[in-house]
Protein backbone atom coordinates (compact mmCIF):
# COMPACT_ATOMS: atom_id res chain seq x y z
CA MET A 1 96.52 82.66 118.05
CA SER A 2 98.01 83.17 114.55
CA LYS A 3 100.31 86.13 114.10
CA ALA A 4 102.28 87.27 111.07
CA ILE A 5 105.18 89.73 111.13
CA MET A 6 104.40 92.79 109.03
CA TRP A 7 107.60 94.76 109.70
CA VAL A 8 110.60 94.83 112.07
CA GLU A 9 113.03 97.62 112.80
CA SER A 10 116.05 98.04 115.09
CA ASP A 11 117.87 101.25 115.88
CA ALA A 12 121.31 102.20 117.16
CA ARG A 13 119.97 102.92 120.66
CA GLY A 14 118.97 99.27 121.12
CA PHE A 15 115.24 99.56 120.47
CA GLU A 16 113.67 96.72 118.53
CA THR A 17 110.19 97.32 117.15
CA GLU A 18 107.91 94.93 115.35
CA CYS A 19 104.40 95.02 114.03
CA LEU A 20 102.39 91.81 113.99
CA PHE A 21 99.07 91.02 112.35
CA ASN A 22 96.84 88.99 114.66
CA GLU A 23 94.66 86.94 112.32
CA ASP A 24 92.30 85.72 115.05
CA ASN A 25 91.04 89.09 116.22
CA ARG A 26 91.89 91.10 113.06
CA SER A 27 94.22 93.56 114.74
CA TYR A 28 97.80 94.77 114.59
CA GLU A 29 100.09 94.62 117.59
CA VAL A 30 103.11 96.91 117.86
CA LEU A 31 105.82 95.69 120.24
CA VAL A 32 108.81 97.76 121.35
CA SER A 33 111.69 96.28 123.34
CA ALA A 34 114.62 98.16 124.80
CA LYS A 35 117.37 95.55 124.56
CA GLY A 36 119.53 95.26 127.62
CA ARG A 37 117.18 97.44 129.64
CA GLY A 38 114.44 94.90 130.31
CA VAL A 39 111.66 97.25 129.25
CA ASP A 40 108.94 96.28 126.79
CA ARG A 41 105.75 97.99 125.66
CA ALA A 42 102.99 96.78 123.37
CA GLU A 43 99.73 98.13 122.06
CA SER A 44 97.14 96.87 119.57
CA PHE A 45 94.71 98.52 117.17
CA PRO A 46 92.00 97.16 114.85
CA VAL A 47 92.72 96.55 111.17
CA VAL A 48 91.28 99.16 108.82
CA GLU A 49 91.90 97.12 105.67
CA ASP A 50 92.69 93.39 105.38
CA PRO A 51 96.44 92.97 104.80
CA GLY A 52 96.13 90.39 102.01
CA LEU A 53 99.01 91.92 100.06
CA GLY A 54 100.55 93.98 102.85
CA MET A 55 99.48 96.73 105.19
CA SER A 56 97.28 99.51 103.90
CA PRO A 57 98.89 102.96 103.95
CA THR A 58 96.53 103.97 106.78
CA ASP A 59 97.44 100.96 108.94
CA LEU A 60 101.15 101.33 108.19
CA ASP A 61 101.12 105.01 109.13
CA ARG A 62 99.23 104.26 112.34
CA SER A 63 101.66 101.47 113.29
CA ILE A 64 104.69 103.73 112.75
CA LYS A 65 103.19 106.55 114.82
CA LEU A 66 102.31 104.07 117.57
CA ALA A 67 105.85 102.64 117.53
CA ASP A 68 107.32 106.15 117.79
CA ARG A 69 105.09 106.91 120.77
CA LEU A 70 106.00 103.67 122.54
CA VAL A 71 109.73 104.34 122.05
CA TRP A 72 109.23 107.86 123.42
CA GLU A 73 107.37 106.48 126.45
CA ILE A 74 110.16 104.01 127.20
CA ASP A 75 112.78 106.77 126.85
CA ARG A 76 110.77 108.99 129.16
CA SER A 77 110.19 106.27 131.78
CA MET A 78 113.90 105.52 131.88
CA GLY A 79 114.86 109.19 132.18
CA ASP A 80 116.55 109.36 128.78
CA LEU A 81 114.64 112.48 127.69
């Protein structure tokens, strides 16, 4: 399975988020890890536009919203909200 990193972000609370392009099934995978807490979440969605020169604005927006939701879910499951 070929995957390419599209973007990576870390925040002060210890969350690391990355978005990968899965070339084999033409989808993006958003992974969120809470460092030091042992909690990870991931979710995939189909590509709207081939990322030949980067993510389309639609795919980028969707990946950011998905990452925000996954961070919120981890916060909630750990009682941080």
